[in-house]
Amino acid sequence: MGQDYSYSQPFSSDEFDMTYLLEAEAALYADEGQSSFSVGEPVRNPPEADDGIPTRCYCGSEAAIATSYTRKDPGRLYYTCENRDDGGCHIWKWWDVAVTEEVFEVQRELRLLKEQGFECDQKLLKLQKTVCELKVMVSVLVFLVGCTISTNTEHRPRRKGLVNSAPFFFSRV
């Protein structure tokens, strides 16, 4: 559903007309758009291996760009394989379709990077706030320790028993 199966061997005959196939595909997409099945957010599927600009053919050769000389698509560029005439299964994809898919993939990746950047910014702000709170706590603890040391160093008569080993707030009785 929604996949582009445009990897097929082009026909050399100008008599073959794919109009009915394109109309059927358009009707299929229209049916999907009118479906009662609705998802709140679009489903993010991982990109398929055949999406975007092809770099290699199924046979292992590098993809090459060729020009269509058919009556229907004169001068239209497409990706193909130099070995396409050997009868095997080789890559074939319209250049504009490949570039469009590649642009959509780059846009998707850019959106993900922006989302990750926003999340990192939020985490950084939270960490900065935590550091400020910890600095305040350290300052308070330093102050309290300073007060304790100055209180304990005052000249007072020593008392016998557990009172001297008790914390300073118990020893002020």
Protein backbone atom coordinates (compact mmCIF):
# COMPACT_ATOMS: atom_id res chain seq x y z
CA MET A 1 0.00 0.00 0.00
CA GLY A 2 1.48 3.30 -1.07
CA GLN A 3 4.64 1.72 -2.47
CA ASP A 4 6.08 2.67 -5.83
CA TYR A 5 6.86 -0.42 -7.87
CA SER A 6 8.44 1.45 -10.74
CA TYR A 7 11.47 -0.84 -10.97
CA SER A 8 10.67 -2.72 -14.14
CA GLN A 9 12.25 -3.05 -17.55
CA PRO A 10 11.04 -0.24 -19.85
CA PHE A 11 9.30 -1.26 -23.04
CA SER A 12 10.93 -0.20 -26.27
CA SER A 13 7.61 -0.17 -28.08
CA ASP A 14 5.84 3.16 -28.42
CA GLU A 15 2.53 1.30 -28.79
CA PHE A 16 2.33 0.34 -25.13
CA ASP A 17 0.25 2.86 -23.22
CA MET A 18 0.39 2.84 -19.42
CA THR A 19 -2.41 5.35 -18.98
CA TYR A 20 -4.82 2.77 -17.59
CA LEU A 21 -2.23 1.64 -15.03
CA LEU A 22 -1.65 5.21 -13.90
CA GLU A 23 -5.40 5.79 -13.65
CA ALA A 24 -5.80 2.61 -11.59
CA GLU A 25 -2.99 3.73 -9.27
CA ALA A 26 -4.60 7.16 -8.89
CA ALA A 27 -7.93 5.50 -8.06
CA LEU A 28 -6.19 3.32 -5.47
CA TYR A 29 -4.65 6.36 -3.78
CA ALA A 30 -8.00 8.17 -3.91
CA ASP A 31 -9.64 5.16 -2.20
CA GLU A 32 -6.98 5.24 0.51
CA GLY A 33 -7.62 8.94 1.07
CA GLN A 34 -11.36 8.36 1.48
CA SER A 35 -10.94 5.37 3.76
CA SER A 36 -12.80 5.42 7.07
CA PHE A 37 -9.66 4.11 8.73
CA SER A 38 -7.99 7.14 10.20
CA VAL A 39 -4.86 7.45 12.27
CA GLY A 40 -4.26 10.57 14.34
CA GLU A 41 -0.58 10.80 13.40
CA PRO A 42 0.96 9.59 10.18
CA VAL A 43 2.70 6.26 10.53
CA ARG A 44 6.45 6.61 10.13
CA ASN A 45 7.72 3.59 8.29
CA PRO A 46 11.42 3.10 7.80
CA PRO A 47 12.54 3.92 4.28
CA GLU A 48 12.69 1.02 1.90
CA ALA A 49 15.89 0.02 0.20
CA ASP A 50 14.47 1.06 -3.16
CA ASP A 51 13.45 4.55 -2.01
CA GLY A 52 15.41 7.58 -3.11
CA ILE A 53 18.24 7.81 -5.60
CA PRO A 54 19.54 4.38 -6.51
CA THR A 55 23.30 3.91 -6.45
CA ARG A 56 23.54 0.25 -7.40
CA CYS A 57 21.53 -2.13 -9.52
CA TYR A 58 20.29 -5.48 -8.27
CA CYS A 59 23.07 -7.10 -10.31
CA GLY A 60 25.74 -5.07 -8.49
CA SER A 61 26.55 -2.59 -11.25
CA GLU A 62 26.35 1.14 -10.65
CA ALA A 63 23.08 2.81 -11.55
CA ALA A 64 23.27 4.99 -14.64
CA ILE A 65 21.07 7.82 -15.86
CA ALA A 66 19.49 7.45 -19.28
CA THR A 67 16.99 9.46 -21.31
CA SER A 68 13.59 8.23 -22.43
CA TYR A 69 12.82 8.52 -26.14
CA THR A 70 9.24 7.31 -25.99
CA ARG A 71 6.35 9.31 -27.35
CA LYS A 72 4.77 9.54 -23.92
CA ASP A 73 7.88 10.64 -21.98
CA PRO A 74 10.34 12.17 -24.45
CA GLY A 75 13.49 13.47 -22.80
CA ARG A 76 12.51 12.24 -19.34
CA LEU A 77 15.47 10.96 -17.33
CA TYR A 78 15.51 7.62 -15.55
CA TYR A 79 17.89 5.41 -13.61
CA THR A 80 18.83 2.14 -15.22
CA CYS A 81 21.66 -0.37 -15.45
CA GLU A 82 24.24 -0.74 -18.18
CA ASN A 83 23.50 -4.50 -18.17
CA ARG A 84 19.76 -4.03 -18.77
CA ASP A 85 19.81 -5.87 -22.09
CA ASP A 86 21.04 -9.18 -20.65
CA GLY A 87 17.51 -10.29 -19.72
CA GLY A 88 18.06 -10.18 -15.97
CA CYS A 89 16.29 -8.13 -13.34
CA HIS A 90 17.78 -4.65 -13.34
CA ILE A 91 17.00 -1.30 -11.83
CA TRP A 92 14.71 1.14 -13.60
CA LYS A 93 13.29 4.23 -11.95
CA TRP A 94 12.27 7.67 -13.11
CA TRP A 95 14.85 10.30 -12.11
CA ASP A 96 12.25 12.80 -10.83
CA VAL A 97 10.56 10.13 -8.69
CA ALA A 98 13.92 9.15 -7.18
CA VAL A 99 14.87 12.75 -6.43
CA THR A 100 11.46 13.46 -4.89
CA GLU A 101 11.77 10.42 -2.62
CA GLU A 102 15.29 11.49 -1.65
CA VAL A 103 14.11 15.00 -0.78
CA PHE A 104 11.27 13.61 1.36
CA GLU A 105 13.74 11.36 3.19
CA VAL A 106 16.11 14.28 3.84
CA GLN A 107 13.17 16.34 5.13
CA ARG A 108 12.13 13.47 7.42
CA GLU A 109 15.65 13.14 8.78
CA LEU A 110 15.87 16.91 9.26
CA ARG A 111 12.62 16.88 11.26
CA LEU A 112 14.00 14.08 13.45
CA LEU A 113 17.23 16.01 14.03
CA LYS A 114 15.28 19.13 14.96
CA GLU A 115 13.21 17.10 17.43
CA GLN A 116 16.36 15.60 18.93
CA GLY A 117 17.93 19.06 19.15
CA PHE A 118 14.87 20.38 20.97
CA GLU A 119 14.97 17.44 23.40
CA CYS A 120 18.69 18.07 24.02
CA ASP A 121 17.98 21.76 24.69
CA GLN A 122 15.28 20.81 27.20
CA LYS A 123 17.62 18.36 28.95
CA LEU A 124 20.37 21.01 29.04
CA LEU A 125 18.01 23.54 30.65
CA LYS A 126 16.98 20.96 33.23
CA LEU A 127 20.63 20.17 34.00
CA GLN A 128 21.48 23.88 34.32
CA LYS A 129 18.60 24.32 36.76
CA THR A 130 19.81 21.32 38.76
CA VAL A 131 23.35 22.71 38.86
CA CYS A 132 22.02 26.06 40.17
CA GLU A 133 19.99 24.28 42.86
CA LEU A 134 23.03 22.22 43.86
CA LYS A 135 25.17 25.38 44.09
CA VAL A 136 22.61 26.89 46.45
CA MET A 137 22.60 23.72 48.55
CA VAL A 138 26.40 23.68 48.69
CA SER A 139 26.42 27.34 49.76
CA VAL A 140 23.92 26.60 52.53
CA LEU A 141 25.94 23.59 53.67
CA VAL A 142 29.16 25.62 53.69
CA PHE A 143 27.43 28.29 55.76
CA LEU A 144 26.06 25.71 58.21
CA VAL A 145 29.43 23.99 58.53
CA GLY A 146 31.05 27.38 59.13
CA CYS A 147 28.51 28.18 61.83
CA THR A 148 29.08 24.78 63.43
CA ILE A 149 32.83 25.21 63.48
CA SER A 150 32.60 28.72 64.93
CA THR A 151 30.07 27.55 67.57
CA ASN A 152 32.22 24.57 68.55
CA THR A 153 35.37 26.68 68.82
CA GLU A 154 33.88 29.14 71.34
CA HIS A 155 35.39 28.85 74.78
CA ARG A 156 32.95 26.98 76.94
CA PRO A 157 33.45 24.76 79.87
CA ARG A 158 33.57 21.13 78.89
CA ARG A 159 30.87 18.89 80.25
CA LYS A 160 31.35 15.30 81.06
CA GLY A 161 29.31 12.53 79.53
CA LEU A 162 27.57 12.08 76.19
CA VAL A 163 26.77 15.75 75.79
CA ASN A 164 30.19 16.53 74.27
CA SER A 165 29.77 13.84 71.63
CA ALA A 166 26.25 14.98 70.71
CA PRO A 167 25.70 17.31 67.76
CA PHE A 168 26.14 21.03 68.44
CA PHE A 169 22.41 21.82 68.61
CA PHE A 170 21.99 19.39 71.52
CA SER A 171 25.02 20.73 73.37
CA ARG A 172 23.57 24.24 73.80
CA VAL A 173 21.49 23.34 76.75
